[in-house]
Every structure is written in structure tokens, then in C-alpha cells.
C-alpha atoms as a PDB file:
ATOM      1  CA  UNK A   1      29.528  12.465   2.154  1.00  0.00           C
ATOM      2  CA  UNK A   2      28.749  10.887   5.793  1.00  0.00           C
ATOM      3  CA  UNK A   3      27.088   7.417   6.032  1.00  0.00           C
ATOM      4  CA  UNK A   4      25.704   5.607   9.342  1.00  0.00           C
ATOM      5  CA  UNK A   5      24.767   2.236   8.355  1.00  0.00           C
ATOM      6  CA  UNK A   6      22.321   0.168  10.337  1.00  0.00           C
ATOM      7  CA  UNK A   7      19.288   1.020  12.597  1.00  0.00           C
ATOM      8  CA  UNK A   8      20.143   4.581  13.650  1.00  0.00           C
ATOM      9  CA  UNK A   9      17.619   6.247  16.266  1.00  0.00           C
ATOM     10  CA  UNK A  10      19.901   9.165  17.126  1.00  0.00           C
ATOM     11  CA  UNK A  11      20.581  12.304  15.127  1.00  0.00           C
ATOM     12  CA  UNK A  12      24.150  12.745  14.094  1.00  0.00           C
ATOM     13  CA  UNK A  13      26.031  15.855  14.724  1.00  0.00           C
ATOM     14  CA  UNK A  14      26.796  16.700  11.153  1.00  0.00           C
ATOM     15  CA  UNK A  15      24.612  15.913   7.845  1.00  0.00           C
ATOM     16  CA  UNK A  16      24.688  12.234   7.356  1.00  0.00           C
ATOM     17  CA  UNK A  17      22.900   9.743   5.178  1.00  0.00           C
ATOM     18  CA  UNK A  18      20.975   7.165   7.361  1.00  0.00           C
ATOM     19  CA  UNK A  19      18.306   4.369   6.952  1.00  0.00           C
ATOM     20  CA  UNK A  20      16.293   5.546   9.871  1.00  0.00           C
ATOM     21  CA  UNK A  21      15.747   8.556  12.115  1.00  0.00           C
ATOM     22  CA  UNK A  22      13.668   9.976  15.057  1.00  0.00           C
ATOM     23  CA  UNK A  23      10.301  11.379  14.094  1.00  0.00           C
ATOM     24  CA  UNK A  24      10.007  13.823  16.814  1.00  0.00           C
ATOM     25  CA  UNK A  25      12.667  16.552  17.458  1.00  0.00           C
ATOM     26  CA  UNK A  26      15.332  18.203  15.632  1.00  0.00           C
ATOM     27  CA  UNK A  27      16.381  15.604  12.734  1.00  0.00           C
ATOM     28  CA  UNK A  28      17.798  17.968  10.338  1.00  0.00           C
ATOM     29  CA  UNK A  29      20.845  16.117  10.262  1.00  0.00           C
ATOM     30  CA  UNK A  30      19.513  12.589   9.432  1.00  0.00           C
ATOM     31  CA  UNK A  31      19.034  12.557   5.537  1.00  0.00           C
ATOM     32  CA  UNK A  32      17.077   9.360   4.498  1.00  0.00           C
ATOM     33  CA  UNK A  33      17.803   7.184   1.752  1.00  0.00           C
ATOM     34  CA  UNK A  34      16.374   3.736   0.991  1.00  0.00           C
ATOM     35  CA  UNK A  35      19.405   1.763   2.171  1.00  0.00           C
ATOM     36  CA  UNK A  36      18.053  -1.477   2.818  1.00  0.00           C
ATOM     37  CA  UNK A  37      15.121  -1.846   0.144  1.00  0.00           C
ATOM     38  CA  UNK A  38      15.646  -5.379  -0.369  1.00  0.00           C
ATOM     39  CA  UNK A  39      14.725  -6.261   3.307  1.00  0.00           C
ATOM     40  CA  UNK A  40      12.247  -3.618   3.871  1.00  0.00           C
ATOM     41  CA  UNK A  41      10.459  -2.701   0.745  1.00  0.00           C
ATOM     42  CA  UNK A  42       8.514  -5.798   0.165  1.00  0.00           C
ATOM     43  CA  UNK A  43       5.086  -5.454  -1.467  1.00  0.00           C
ATOM     44  CA  UNK A  44       2.428  -8.122  -1.770  1.00  0.00           C
ATOM     45  CA  UNK A  45      -0.382  -9.062  -4.095  1.00  0.00           C
ATOM     46  CA  UNK A  46      -2.696 -10.406  -1.528  1.00  0.00           C
ATOM     47  CA  UNK A  47      -5.357 -12.190  -3.193  1.00  0.00           C
ATOM     48  CA  UNK A  48      -7.498 -13.157   0.012  1.00  0.00           C
ATOM     49  CA  UNK A  49     -10.338 -10.813   0.907  1.00  0.00           C
ATOM     50  CA  UNK A  50     -10.634  -9.184   4.391  1.00  0.00           C
ATOM     51  CA  UNK A  51     -13.950 -10.616   5.011  1.00  0.00           C
ATOM     52  CA  UNK A  52     -12.758 -14.134   4.481  1.00  0.00           C
ATOM     53  CA  UNK A  53      -9.831 -13.959   7.114  1.00  0.00           C
ATOM     54  CA  UNK A  54      -9.653 -14.999  10.559  1.00  0.00           C
ATOM     55  CA  UNK A  55     -10.832 -12.560  13.440  1.00  0.00           C
ATOM     56  CA  UNK A  56      -7.589 -12.667  15.224  1.00  0.00           C
ATOM     57  CA  UNK A  57      -4.430 -10.587  15.440  1.00  0.00           C
ATOM     58  CA  UNK A  58      -1.243 -12.530  14.145  1.00  0.00           C
ATOM     59  CA  UNK A  59       2.509 -11.756  15.314  1.00  0.00           C
ATOM     60  CA  UNK A  60       5.897 -13.167  14.930  1.00  0.00           C
ATOM     61  CA  UNK A  61       9.034 -11.423  15.751  1.00  0.00           C
ATOM     62  CA  UNK A  62      12.269 -11.477  17.921  1.00  0.00           C
ATOM     63  CA  UNK A  63      11.305  -9.995  21.126  1.00  0.00           C
ATOM     64  CA  UNK A  64      14.618  -8.306  22.545  1.00  0.00           C
ATOM     65  CA  UNK A  65      13.109  -4.878  23.367  1.00  0.00           C
ATOM     66  CA  UNK A  66      11.003  -4.136  26.550  1.00  0.00           C
ATOM     67  CA  UNK A  67       8.039  -2.707  24.587  1.00  0.00           C
ATOM     68  CA  UNK A  68       7.840  -5.945  22.729  1.00  0.00           C
ATOM     69  CA  UNK A  69       8.289  -8.228  25.845  1.00  0.00           C
ATOM     70  CA  UNK A  70       5.627  -6.066  27.420  1.00  0.00           C
ATOM     71  CA  UNK A  71       3.244  -6.804  24.519  1.00  0.00           C
ATOM     72  CA  UNK A  72       3.700 -10.502  24.904  1.00  0.00           C
ATOM     73  CA  UNK A  73       3.331 -10.384  28.859  1.00  0.00           C
ATOM     74  CA  UNK A  74      -0.019  -8.710  28.327  1.00  0.00           C
ATOM     75  CA  UNK A  75      -1.614 -10.559  25.302  1.00  0.00           C
ATOM     76  CA  UNK A  76       0.479 -13.962  24.760  1.00  0.00           C
ATOM     77  CA  UNK A  77      -2.699 -15.658  25.991  1.00  0.00           C
ATOM     78  CA  UNK A  78      -5.117 -13.424  24.729  1.00  0.00           C
ATOM     79  CA  UNK A  79      -7.929 -15.564  22.731  1.00  0.00           C
ATOM     80  CA  UNK A  80      -8.021 -12.851  20.134  1.00  0.00           C
ATOM     81  CA  UNK A  81      -4.182 -13.291  19.470  1.00  0.00           C
ATOM     82  CA  UNK A  82      -1.890 -15.734  17.706  1.00  0.00           C
ATOM     83  CA  UNK A  83       1.320 -14.034  18.668  1.00  0.00           C
ATOM     84  CA  UNK A  84       4.803 -15.094  19.987  1.00  0.00           C
ATOM     85  CA  UNK A  85       8.416 -14.574  19.721  1.00  0.00           C
ATOM     86  CA  UNK A  86      10.983 -16.438  17.488  1.00  0.00           C
ATOM     87  CA  UNK A  87      14.266 -15.864  19.295  1.00  0.00           C
ATOM     88  CA  UNK A  88      15.491 -18.321  21.813  1.00  0.00           C
ATOM     89  CA  UNK A  89      17.804 -16.312  23.774  1.00  0.00           C
ATOM     90  CA  UNK A  90      15.153 -15.429  26.601  1.00  0.00           C
ATOM     91  CA  UNK A  91      11.513 -15.448  27.579  1.00  0.00           C
ATOM     92  CA  UNK A  92      11.110 -18.871  26.189  1.00  0.00           C
ATOM     93  CA  UNK A  93       7.463 -18.871  27.686  1.00  0.00           C
ATOM     94  CA  UNK A  94       6.512 -16.801  24.725  1.00  0.00           C
ATOM     95  CA  UNK A  95       8.402 -19.062  22.210  1.00  0.00           C
ATOM     96  CA  UNK A  96       6.052 -19.814  18.995  1.00  0.00           C
ATOM     97  CA  UNK A  97       6.358 -21.423  15.951  1.00  0.00           C
ATOM     98  CA  UNK A  98       7.812 -19.278  12.827  1.00  0.00           C
ATOM     99  CA  UNK A  99       5.267 -18.331  10.159  1.00  0.00           C
ATOM    100  CA  UNK A 100       5.409 -17.309   6.518  1.00  0.00           C
ATOM    101  CA  UNK A 101       4.235 -14.288   5.185  1.00  0.00           C
ATOM    102  CA  UNK A 102       1.373 -16.385   3.432  1.00  0.00           C
ATOM    103  CA  UNK A 103       0.215 -17.786   6.845  1.00  0.00           C
ATOM    104  CA  UNK A 104       0.109 -14.341   8.264  1.00  0.00           C
ATOM    105  CA  UNK A 105      -2.416 -13.340   5.303  1.00  0.00           C
ATOM    106  CA  UNK A 106      -5.090 -15.499   7.013  1.00  0.00           C
ATOM    107  CA  UNK A 107      -5.390 -13.086   9.647  1.00  0.00           C
ATOM    108  CA  UNK A 108      -7.367  -9.724   9.666  1.00  0.00           C
ATOM    109  CA  UNK A 109      -4.890  -8.032  11.861  1.00  0.00           C
ATOM    110  CA  UNK A 110      -1.103  -8.115  11.787  1.00  0.00           C
ATOM    111  CA  UNK A 111       1.054  -6.683  14.634  1.00  0.00           C
ATOM    112  CA  UNK A 112       3.583  -4.204  13.503  1.00  0.00           C
ATOM    113  CA  UNK A 113       5.732  -2.974  16.519  1.00  0.00           C
ATOM    114  CA  UNK A 114       8.870  -1.174  16.070  1.00  0.00           C
ATOM    115  CA  UNK A 115      12.146  -2.976  16.776  1.00  0.00           C
ATOM    116  CA  UNK A 116      15.430  -1.495  16.744  1.00  0.00           C
ATOM    117  CA  UNK A 117      14.091   1.214  14.663  1.00  0.00           C
ATOM    118  CA  UNK A 118      10.953   0.657  12.737  1.00  0.00           C
ATOM    119  CA  UNK A 119       8.631  -2.124  12.103  1.00  0.00           C
ATOM    120  CA  UNK A 120      10.338  -4.162   9.295  1.00  0.00           C
ATOM    121  CA  UNK A 121       7.127  -5.861   8.419  1.00  0.00           C
ATOM    122  CA  UNK A 122       4.958  -2.683   8.021  1.00  0.00           C
ATOM    123  CA  UNK A 123       5.599  -2.206   4.246  1.00  0.00           C
ATOM    124  CA  UNK A 124       4.212  -5.335   3.153  1.00  0.00           C
ATOM    125  CA  UNK A 125       1.394  -5.245   5.884  1.00  0.00           C
ATOM    126  CA  UNK A 126       0.126  -2.140   4.526  1.00  0.00           C
ATOM    127  CA  UNK A 127       0.251  -3.794   0.828  1.00  0.00           C
ATOM    128  CA  UNK A 128      -1.874  -6.595   2.001  1.00  0.00           C
ATOM    129  CA  UNK A 129      -5.631  -7.086   2.591  1.00  0.00           C
ATOM    130  CA  UNK A 130      -5.142  -7.183   6.587  1.00  0.00           C
ATOM    131  CA  UNK A 131      -5.015  -4.320   8.975  1.00  0.00           C
ATOM    132  CA  UNK A 132      -1.627  -3.084  10.293  1.00  0.00           C
ATOM    133  CA  UNK A 133      -2.176  -3.064  14.548  1.00  0.00           C
ATOM    134  CA  UNK A 134       0.435  -0.520  15.919  1.00  0.00           C
ATOM    135  CA  UNK A 135       1.090   2.181  18.089  1.00  0.00           C
ATOM    136  CA  UNK A 136       2.164   5.469  16.951  1.00  0.00           C
ATOM    137  CA  UNK A 137       5.601   5.126  15.188  1.00  0.00           C
ATOM    138  CA  UNK A 138       8.771   7.035  16.925  1.00  0.00           C
ATOM    139  CA  UNK A 139      11.053   6.192  14.134  1.00  0.00           C
ATOM    140  CA  UNK A 140      10.755   6.799  10.180  1.00  0.00           C
ATOM    141  CA  UNK A 141      12.559   5.557   7.062  1.00  0.00           C
ATOM    142  CA  UNK A 142      12.346   6.279   3.388  1.00  0.00           C
ATOM    143  CA  UNK A 143       8.663   5.028   3.807  1.00  0.00           C
ATOM    144  CA  UNK A 144       7.778   8.211   5.706  1.00  0.00           C
ATOM    145  CA  UNK A 145       6.229   6.468   8.747  1.00  0.00           C
ATOM    146  CA  UNK A 146       5.898   9.738  10.500  1.00  0.00           C
ATOM    147  CA  UNK A 147       3.207  10.905   7.728  1.00  0.00           C
ATOM    148  CA  UNK A 148       1.023   7.668   8.429  1.00  0.00           C
ATOM    149  CA  UNK A 149      -2.306   8.543   9.985  1.00  0.00           C
ATOM    150  CA  UNK A 150      -3.581   6.516  12.793  1.00  0.00           C
ATOM    151  CA  UNK A 151      -6.991   4.817  11.822  1.00  0.00           C
ATOM    152  CA  UNK A 152      -6.718   6.105   8.341  1.00  0.00           C
ATOM    153  CA  UNK A 153      -3.704   4.000   7.265  1.00  0.00           C
ATOM    154  CA  UNK A 154      -3.489   1.629  10.218  1.00  0.00           C
ATOM    155  CA  UNK A 155      -5.255   0.605  13.605  1.00  0.00           C
ATOM    156  CA  UNK A 156      -3.832   2.734  16.442  1.00  0.00           C
ATOM    157  CA  UNK A 157      -3.310   0.894  19.897  1.00  0.00           C
ATOM    158  CA  UNK A 158      -2.099   2.635  23.046  1.00  0.00           C
ATOM    159  CA  UNK A 159       1.620   2.391  23.958  1.00  0.00           C
ATOM    160  CA  UNK A 160       0.429   0.402  26.973  1.00  0.00           C
ATOM    161  CA  UNK A 161      -1.466  -2.015  24.738  1.00  0.00           C
ATOM    162  CA  UNK A 162      -4.622  -1.762  26.935  1.00  0.00           C
ATOM    163  CA  UNK A 163      -7.021  -1.070  24.465  1.00  0.00           C
ATOM    164  CA  UNK A 164      -6.252  -3.895  22.161  1.00  0.00           C
ATOM    165  CA  UNK A 165      -9.302  -5.957  22.509  1.00  0.00           C
ATOM    166  CA  UNK A 166     -11.547  -2.862  22.048  1.00  0.00           C
ATOM    167  CA  UNK A 167      -9.865  -2.083  18.772  1.00  0.00           C
ATOM    168  CA  UNK A 168      -9.843  -5.461  17.308  1.00  0.00           C
ATOM    169  CA  UNK A 169     -13.303  -5.876  18.136  1.00  0.00           C
ATOM    170  CA  UNK A 170     -14.453  -2.629  16.638  1.00  0.00           C
ATOM    171  CA  UNK A 171     -12.871  -3.353  13.307  1.00  0.00           C
ATOM    172  CA  UNK A 172     -14.178  -6.917  13.485  1.00  0.00           C
ATOM    173  CA  UNK A 173     -17.804  -5.530  13.696  1.00  0.00           C
ATOM    174  CA  UNK A 174     -17.292  -2.678  11.632  1.00  0.00           C
ATOM    175  CA  UNK A 175     -15.978  -4.046   8.187  1.00  0.00           C
ATOM    176  CA  UNK A 176     -16.885  -1.117   5.885  1.00  0.00           C
ATOM    177  CA  UNK A 177     -14.202   0.878   7.986  1.00  0.00           C
ATOM    178  CA  UNK A 178     -11.662  -1.591   7.965  1.00  0.00           C
ATOM    179  CA  UNK A 179     -11.813  -2.009   4.296  1.00  0.00           C
ATOM    180  CA  UNK A 180     -11.598   1.671   3.810  1.00  0.00           C
ATOM    181  CA  UNK A 181      -8.185   1.657   6.040  1.00  0.00           C
ATOM    182  CA  UNK A 182      -6.866  -1.150   3.756  1.00  0.00           C
ATOM    183  CA  UNK A 183      -7.717   1.064   0.628  1.00  0.00           C
ATOM    184  CA  UNK A 184      -6.060   4.032   2.208  1.00  0.00           C
ATOM    185  CA  UNK A 185      -2.797   1.854   3.042  1.00  0.00           C
ATOM    186  CA  UNK A 186      -2.691   0.516  -0.539  1.00  0.00           C
ATOM    187  CA  UNK A 187      -2.997   4.146  -2.015  1.00  0.00           C
ATOM    188  CA  UNK A 188      -0.125   5.050   0.457  1.00  0.00           C
ATOM    189  CA  UNK A 189       2.117   2.189  -0.699  1.00  0.00           C
ATOM    190  CA  UNK A 190       1.478   2.686  -4.492  1.00  0.00           C
ATOM    191  CA  UNK A 191       3.643   5.882  -4.230  1.00  0.00           C
ATOM    192  CA  UNK A 192       6.778   3.767  -3.688  1.00  0.00           C
ATOM    193  CA  UNK A 193       6.106   1.144  -6.481  1.00  0.00           C
ATOM    194  CA  UNK A 194       7.305   3.436  -9.357  1.00  0.00           C
ATOM    195  CA  UNK A 195      11.141   2.614  -9.474  1.00  0.00           C
ATOM    196  CA  UNK A 196      11.937   5.508 -12.178  1.00  0.00           C
ATOM    197  CA  UNK A 197      10.408   7.927  -9.829  1.00  0.00           C
ATOM    198  CA  UNK A 198      11.996   6.506  -6.640  1.00  0.00           C
ATOM    199  CA  UNK A 199      15.366   6.700  -8.426  1.00  0.00           C
ATOM    200  CA  UNK A 200      14.943  10.202  -9.442  1.00  0.00           C
ATOM    201  CA  UNK A 201      13.731  11.358  -5.866  1.00  0.00           C
ATOM    202  CA  UNK A 202      16.814   9.617  -4.436  1.00  0.00           C
ATOM    203  CA  UNK A 203      19.196  11.546  -6.662  1.00  0.00           C
ATOM    204  CA  UNK A 204      17.290  14.882  -6.084  1.00  0.00           C
ATOM    205  CA  UNK A 205      17.870  14.157  -2.170  1.00  0.00           C
ATOM    206  CA  UNK A 206      21.541  13.722  -2.873  1.00  0.00           C
ATOM    207  CA  UNK A 207      21.683  16.753  -4.945  1.00  0.00           C
ATOM    208  CA  UNK A 208      20.013  18.526  -2.093  1.00  0.00           C
ATOM    209  CA  UNK A 209      22.471  17.230   0.315  1.00  0.00           C
ATOM    210  CA  UNK A 210      25.449  18.576  -1.692  1.00  0.00           C
ATOM    211  CA  UNK A 211      23.957  21.829  -2.127  1.00  0.00           C
ATOM    212  CA  UNK A 212      22.930  22.250   1.619  1.00  0.00           C
ATOM    213  CA  UNK A 213      26.593  21.168   2.590  1.00  0.00           C
ATOM    214  CA  UNK A 214      28.162  23.594   0.439  1.00  0.00           C
ATOM    215  CA  UNK A 215      29.712  21.286  -2.096  1.00  0.00           C
ATOM    216  CA  UNK A 216      29.916  21.530  -5.725  1.00  0.00           C
ATOM    217  CA  UNK A 217      28.399  18.945  -8.058  1.00  0.00           C
ATOM    218  CA  UNK A 218      30.892  18.210 -11.010  1.00  0.00           C
ATOM    219  CA  UNK A 219      28.770  17.264 -14.328  1.00  0.00           C
END
């Protein structure tokens, strides 16, 4: 077996087990397994109702990528946002206090921008009673981010972030539609909560890997 560990955003030249891969294009050699489940596969029991949360977008993350820095440049002073970076190596004008997950849950909208590969907070946000706000994902993991449906599982914003105010305002005013998205997100998350099923699917993926690479399984 071949493995590539870490945030993989290219497709290997031979069949390889990876944590992440590009969604678009020929990714046939990138075989996904849940290689970083303790960091990424965190699900919540959010007891705060969407209607009782603040009408703001919250976000805390490292901002080392151009697209994350661009979001801060455009919306750091936006009155509909409580956002900021937590790394101190550059762009200190965007520095903000760290926030716990519990503190994030006081807001109706939580920013889920991709980092080196996927947005690592997306799983717990989709399991919460807040709305995930994000661009269309370019990378996917075992969570199958490529199958998420815009404005059905999450709130879609443009890649240049110019429609953010409009999208937030819409779901602030249309609570019923927001609640439906949250319901859909919870249903999506539920399929990953059955440990026995997840383990079985992982073994079947490995079995298929050995079959497709012409290897024989020894029983």
C-alpha cells in the first residue's frame, strides 16, 4: 500500500491512501480514508436554538492562505461579522482573541473557509444549530465535502466574498429556510456517527484498493 499523510491537494501518480484530495478532475489515484478523525470528525450537541443566537457571522482561524487573508481584508470591519486571525506571524491588523467552540455557538453563522485543504471546522459546524457559511469546496475528505449541496447543507457565498452581506441578511430574515438547512446538515452528519458502519466501509475501501491494484488478500 502507498500512503501520503498530511494535507494532500494533488493527485498521486499511483493509487495512494490519502486524507484529502481535489474534488474536480481525475482523482482516481486518491483513495480516501479517515486518517485524521480525532481532529476533524468532531460532532456536537448544540442546545442553543438558532433563533436565540446573534445575527452575526463568527470566525477564528489561522490566515496564511491568500483566500483567507482576502476575506479578512474585505470583512474584518464588517458590522455583520466577528472575525479574525489567531496566528501572529503576519497581518497583525486582523489579530483577534481566540474563541472556544462553545463561544462560536452563540452566533447564527459560522465561517468555514478551506485552509491547506478542507475547512477543519466544517464537521462540527454542520452538527450545530448554526449555519455554515462557505464557498463551494475545492477539496474533500472522508466527509465527502464534494457531495454537499449549496443552500441545502450550507450557505454558499461567492469566491470573491462580495455577496456576504446579502446572504447573511437573507437567512436572518428567512428563519424557516435557515432551520431547514440546519436540519439537512444534521441528517448529512448522522451518516458518519455509526462507528460499526464507518469501520466496515473503511475495510471495504481497503478491500477494493487491493482488488483494483491486482493484489491478493490473505485470509
